Amino acid sequence: MTAESHNTNEMYLKMKRVSLSAPYIDLDALKVQSSQLLSKTASYLNNSTDHYQTQLQQRRTRLDALNETNKAKREEISKRRVESEHYDSVWKKIQAMEQQIKVTEVKLATLQQKQNLRKQMALHSQKSALYHALASAQLRQNLAVCEKLTGMTVHAIEDNHLKVDFTLIDEREPDKVFSFVVHLLEEHGYKVVQCDPMIPDLPELTESLNRHGDFSSFIKRIRKEFCNLALSSSPPSPQTPPDLTTLPHPINT
């Protein structure tokens, strides 16, 4: 027997011994164990799946809640924006109304000032009318005295024209009329448009009247000039014209 054959036999014997000494395997028990392991694995997988599905559902629920919250917040922000725009519009209207109120107050103050001015003017006009009424009454009284002592009469002949007649000037003819007509100009002046008989110094007398506005003195000076004309055309007489300095002084108008 060769060495190679010997080695082969030894290996065979060893394998046979190993094969004869291997433990017994219970296939049924192994199947049961495998089935239990598969069942546990399936149960674990099912439980894990349910657990993760539950967590996923909870997360979805929280996500939906967050989405609803965000939606509500966006709606609130949009509402606040609309309210802010509305408040801005209302504020602008209020400012415009305040400006209108200020303008109206200024107008009312101006109207009040004008009304007060009109009241003052009306009161002044009433006082002036009363003064002129009293002055006219005094003037009529003075004129009555003048007419009695000097034969003077004053009457209007047309618009803004007065005619002044004198008698008792000429001793020879006491009823002879000496007269002049004066025009009351619109620019507050006087103009003698007629004088009978003519007085040489009439322009100077009229100029003095317009300068000083003293109509009573003007009448006195005119009468004096008429008296001088009457004396120059008649012989001397012991009688003299009445002294006008003792007459009541008419109120200027």
Protein backbone atom coordinates (compact mmCIF):
# COMPACT_ATOMS: atom_id res chain seq x y z
CA MET A 1 0.00 0.00 0.00
CA THR A 2 1.33 3.29 -0.95
CA ALA A 3 1.58 6.32 1.30
CA GLU A 4 -1.04 8.13 -0.63
CA SER A 5 -3.54 5.37 -0.20
CA HIS A 6 -2.77 5.25 3.46
CA ASN A 7 -3.47 8.93 3.90
CA THR A 8 -6.73 8.60 2.07
CA ASN A 9 -7.86 5.83 4.34
CA GLU A 10 -7.03 7.83 7.41
CA MET A 11 -9.04 10.76 6.18
CA TYR A 12 -12.00 8.55 5.46
CA LEU A 13 -11.83 7.05 8.91
CA LYS A 14 -11.68 10.51 10.48
CA MET A 15 -14.67 11.67 8.50
CA LYS A 16 -16.56 8.59 9.47
CA ARG A 17 -15.81 9.17 13.10
CA VAL A 18 -16.90 12.78 12.82
CA SER A 19 -20.08 11.78 11.07
CA LEU A 20 -20.86 9.23 13.66
CA SER A 21 -20.30 11.70 16.52
CA ALA A 22 -22.58 14.65 15.12
CA PRO A 23 -25.55 15.65 17.42
CA TYR A 24 -29.13 14.85 16.61
CA ILE A 25 -31.21 17.69 15.10
CA ASP A 26 -34.96 17.83 15.80
CA LEU A 27 -36.43 19.28 12.68
CA ASP A 28 -39.93 19.61 14.12
CA ALA A 29 -38.68 21.60 17.04
CA LEU A 30 -36.62 23.66 14.67
CA LYS A 31 -39.73 24.33 12.61
CA VAL A 32 -41.64 25.33 15.73
CA GLN A 33 -38.86 27.65 16.80
CA SER A 34 -38.66 29.10 13.32
CA SER A 35 -42.42 29.62 13.31
CA GLN A 36 -42.29 31.32 16.70
CA LEU A 37 -39.42 33.49 15.55
CA LEU A 38 -41.31 34.44 12.43
CA SER A 39 -44.41 35.16 14.50
CA LYS A 40 -42.47 37.38 16.90
CA THR A 41 -40.81 39.10 13.98
CA ALA A 42 -44.17 39.71 12.31
CA SER A 43 -45.66 40.92 15.60
CA TYR A 44 -42.71 43.27 16.12
CA LEU A 45 -43.02 44.54 12.61
CA ASN A 46 -46.78 45.04 13.02
CA ASN A 47 -46.33 46.79 16.35
CA SER A 48 -43.58 48.94 14.93
CA THR A 49 -45.69 49.74 11.90
CA ASP A 50 -48.69 50.65 14.08
CA HIS A 51 -46.45 52.74 16.35
CA TYR A 52 -44.89 54.62 13.47
CA GLN A 53 -48.28 55.04 11.79
CA THR A 54 -49.67 56.42 15.05
CA GLN A 55 -46.74 58.81 15.37
CA LEU A 56 -47.14 59.77 11.72
CA GLN A 57 -50.85 60.41 12.24
CA GLN A 58 -50.11 62.49 15.34
CA ARG A 59 -47.53 64.47 13.44
CA ARG A 60 -49.97 64.96 10.60
CA THR A 61 -52.57 66.12 13.13
CA ARG A 62 -50.10 68.57 14.68
CA LEU A 63 -49.09 69.72 11.21
CA ASP A 64 -52.74 70.29 10.29
CA ALA A 65 -53.19 72.20 13.55
CA LEU A 66 -50.13 74.31 12.77
CA ASN A 67 -51.46 74.94 9.28
CA GLU A 68 -54.80 76.01 10.73
CA THR A 69 -53.01 78.25 13.22
CA ASN A 70 -50.89 79.77 10.46
CA LYS A 71 -53.98 80.23 8.34
CA ALA A 72 -55.76 81.95 11.23
CA LYS A 73 -52.73 84.15 11.83
CA ARG A 74 -52.52 85.05 8.15
CA GLU A 75 -56.22 85.90 8.18
CA GLU A 76 -55.69 87.98 11.33
CA ILE A 77 -52.75 89.77 9.72
CA SER A 78 -54.83 90.44 6.60
CA LYS A 79 -57.68 91.69 8.79
CA ARG A 80 -55.31 93.93 10.74
CA ARG A 81 -53.89 95.27 7.48
CA VAL A 82 -57.40 96.10 6.24
CA GLU A 83 -58.21 97.72 9.59
CA SER A 84 -54.96 99.67 9.46
CA GLU A 85 -55.77 100.94 5.98
CA HIS A 86 -59.27 101.83 7.19
CA TYR A 87 -57.86 103.67 10.21
CA ASP A 88 -55.41 105.52 7.95
CA SER A 89 -58.29 106.56 5.72
CA VAL A 90 -60.36 107.64 8.72
CA TRP A 91 -57.39 109.56 10.16
CA LYS A 92 -56.89 111.40 6.88
CA LYS A 93 -60.59 112.27 6.84
CA ILE A 94 -60.35 113.52 10.43
CA GLN A 95 -57.34 115.67 9.53
CA ALA A 96 -59.23 117.08 6.52
CA MET A 97 -62.24 117.81 8.75
CA GLU A 98 -60.00 119.51 11.32
CA GLN A 99 -58.55 121.66 8.56
CA GLN A 100 -62.06 122.53 7.37
CA ILE A 101 -63.02 123.38 10.96
CA LYS A 102 -60.02 125.72 11.25
CA VAL A 103 -60.95 127.41 7.96
CA THR A 104 -64.56 127.69 9.12
CA GLU A 105 -63.45 129.16 12.46
CA VAL A 106 -61.38 131.77 10.61
CA LYS A 107 -64.37 132.59 8.39
CA LEU A 108 -66.65 132.80 11.43
CA ALA A 109 -64.17 135.10 13.18
CA THR A 110 -64.02 137.28 10.08
CA LEU A 111 -67.81 137.35 9.83
CA GLN A 112 -68.04 138.16 13.53
CA GLN A 113 -65.61 141.04 13.07
CA LYS A 114 -67.62 142.30 10.10
CA GLN A 115 -70.84 141.95 12.07
CA ASN A 116 -69.34 143.82 15.02
CA LEU A 117 -68.10 146.49 12.61
CA ARG A 118 -71.56 146.79 11.07
CA LYS A 119 -73.06 147.09 14.55
CA GLN A 120 -70.56 149.79 15.44
CA MET A 121 -71.26 151.58 12.16
CA ALA A 122 -75.01 151.30 12.75
CA LEU A 123 -74.59 152.65 16.28
CA HIS A 124 -72.40 155.45 14.97
CA SER A 125 -74.97 156.19 12.28
CA GLN A 126 -77.72 156.31 14.90
CA LYS A 127 -75.65 158.63 17.07
CA SER A 128 -74.82 160.77 14.04
CA ALA A 129 -78.48 160.90 13.02
CA LEU A 130 -79.44 161.90 16.55
CA TYR A 131 -76.72 164.55 16.62
CA HIS A 132 -77.79 165.94 13.26
CA ALA A 133 -81.41 165.93 14.37
CA LEU A 134 -80.50 167.91 17.47
CA ALA A 135 -78.20 170.15 15.44
CA SER A 136 -80.92 170.70 12.85
CA ALA A 137 -83.37 171.63 15.57
CA GLN A 138 -80.85 174.07 17.04
CA LEU A 139 -80.10 175.38 13.57
CA ARG A 140 -83.77 175.94 12.82
CA GLN A 141 -84.10 177.80 16.09
CA ASN A 142 -81.08 179.97 15.27
CA LEU A 143 -82.35 180.54 11.73
CA ALA A 144 -85.69 181.67 13.09
CA VAL A 145 -83.90 184.24 15.24
CA CYS A 146 -81.77 185.31 12.26
CA GLU A 147 -84.82 185.63 10.02
CA LYS A 148 -86.52 187.83 12.58
CA LEU A 149 -83.53 190.12 13.13
CA THR A 150 -81.93 190.13 9.68
CA GLY A 151 -84.72 189.13 7.32
CA MET A 152 -82.73 186.07 6.20
CA THR A 153 -84.48 183.03 4.72
CA VAL A 154 -82.85 179.82 3.48
CA HIS A 155 -84.53 177.34 1.18
CA ALA A 156 -83.53 174.60 -1.28
CA ILE A 157 -84.23 175.32 -4.92
CA GLU A 158 -82.87 172.05 -6.41
CA ASP A 159 -80.57 169.15 -5.54
CA ASN A 160 -77.64 170.34 -3.44
CA HIS A 161 -78.49 174.00 -4.08
CA LEU A 162 -79.43 176.47 -1.35
CA LYS A 163 -80.75 179.98 -1.86
CA VAL A 164 -80.21 182.54 0.88
CA ASP A 165 -82.36 185.71 0.76
CA PHE A 166 -81.83 188.82 2.88
CA THR A 167 -84.15 191.73 3.55
CA LEU A 168 -83.73 194.63 5.97
CA ILE A 169 -80.49 195.52 4.19
CA ASP A 170 -81.35 198.76 2.43
CA GLU A 171 -82.85 201.39 4.74
CA ARG A 172 -84.65 202.99 1.84
CA GLU A 173 -86.17 199.68 0.73
CA PRO A 174 -86.33 197.29 3.72
CA ASP A 175 -88.20 194.70 1.67
CA LYS A 176 -85.62 194.67 -1.12
CA VAL A 177 -84.15 191.16 -1.50
CA PHE A 178 -80.41 190.55 -1.59
CA SER A 179 -79.65 186.89 -2.38
CA PHE A 180 -77.09 184.32 -3.38
CA VAL A 181 -77.26 180.66 -4.43
CA VAL A 182 -74.64 178.18 -3.25
CA HIS A 183 -74.02 174.72 -4.69
CA LEU A 184 -72.95 172.00 -2.21
CA LEU A 185 -70.46 170.01 -4.26
CA GLU A 186 -70.20 166.22 -3.96
CA GLU A 187 -66.49 166.51 -3.13
CA HIS A 188 -67.39 168.42 0.06
CA GLY A 189 -66.94 171.91 -1.28
CA TYR A 190 -69.02 175.00 -2.00
CA LYS A 191 -69.56 177.03 -5.14
CA VAL A 192 -71.59 180.24 -5.37
CA VAL A 193 -73.46 180.04 -8.67
CA GLN A 194 -75.53 183.22 -8.30
CA CYS A 195 -75.24 186.45 -6.33
CA ASP A 196 -77.61 189.44 -6.61
CA PRO A 197 -76.24 192.04 -6.39
CA MET A 198 -72.74 190.84 -7.20
CA ILE A 199 -70.18 191.19 -4.42
CA PRO A 200 -66.67 192.15 -5.60
CA ASP A 201 -64.92 190.02 -2.96
CA LEU A 202 -67.10 186.95 -3.59
CA PRO A 203 -64.21 184.75 -4.94
CA GLU A 204 -62.11 185.43 -1.82
CA LEU A 205 -65.08 184.76 0.45
CA THR A 206 -65.85 181.48 -1.34
CA GLU A 207 -62.21 180.39 -1.15
CA SER A 208 -62.20 181.06 2.61
CA LEU A 209 -65.42 179.06 2.96
CA ASN A 210 -63.91 176.06 1.17
CA ARG A 211 -60.72 176.34 3.22
CA HIS A 212 -62.35 176.57 6.67
CA GLY A 213 -65.83 175.15 6.07
CA ASP A 214 -67.46 177.77 8.33
CA PHE A 215 -70.76 178.38 6.56
CA SER A 216 -72.18 180.59 9.34
CA SER A 217 -69.26 183.01 9.10
CA PHE A 218 -69.63 182.98 5.32
CA ILE A 219 -73.29 184.05 5.60
CA LYS A 220 -72.37 186.84 8.03
CA ARG A 221 -69.66 188.14 5.72
CA ILE A 222 -71.97 187.99 2.68
CA ARG A 223 -74.64 189.98 4.54
CA LYS A 224 -72.04 192.49 5.62
CA GLU A 225 -70.94 192.92 2.00
CA PHE A 226 -74.59 193.39 0.96
CA CYS A 227 -74.92 196.07 3.66
CA ASN A 228 -71.78 197.80 2.38
CA LEU A 229 -73.18 197.79 -1.15
CA ALA A 230 -76.46 199.28 0.10
CA LEU A 231 -74.63 201.98 2.07
CA SER A 232 -72.39 202.85 -0.85
CA SER A 233 -75.41 203.42 -3.09
CA SER A 234 -77.44 205.51 -0.58
CA PRO A 235 -76.83 208.67 1.53
CA PRO A 236 -75.63 208.21 5.12
CA SER A 237 -78.30 207.44 7.71
CA PRO A 238 -78.21 207.50 11.48
CA GLN A 239 -79.54 203.95 11.50
CA THR A 240 -77.12 201.07 11.12
CA PRO A 241 -77.74 197.41 10.28
CA PRO A 242 -78.17 194.99 13.18
CA ASP A 243 -74.94 193.78 14.82
CA LEU A 244 -74.61 190.13 13.78
CA THR A 245 -72.02 189.42 16.46
CA THR A 246 -74.83 189.33 19.03
CA LEU A 247 -76.85 186.71 17.09
CA PRO A 248 -76.87 183.03 18.10
CA HIS A 249 -74.15 181.12 16.31
CA PRO A 250 -75.65 178.37 14.11
CA ILE A 251 -74.22 174.88 14.41
CA ASN A 252 -72.03 173.87 11.45
CA THR A 253 -73.35 170.95 9.41
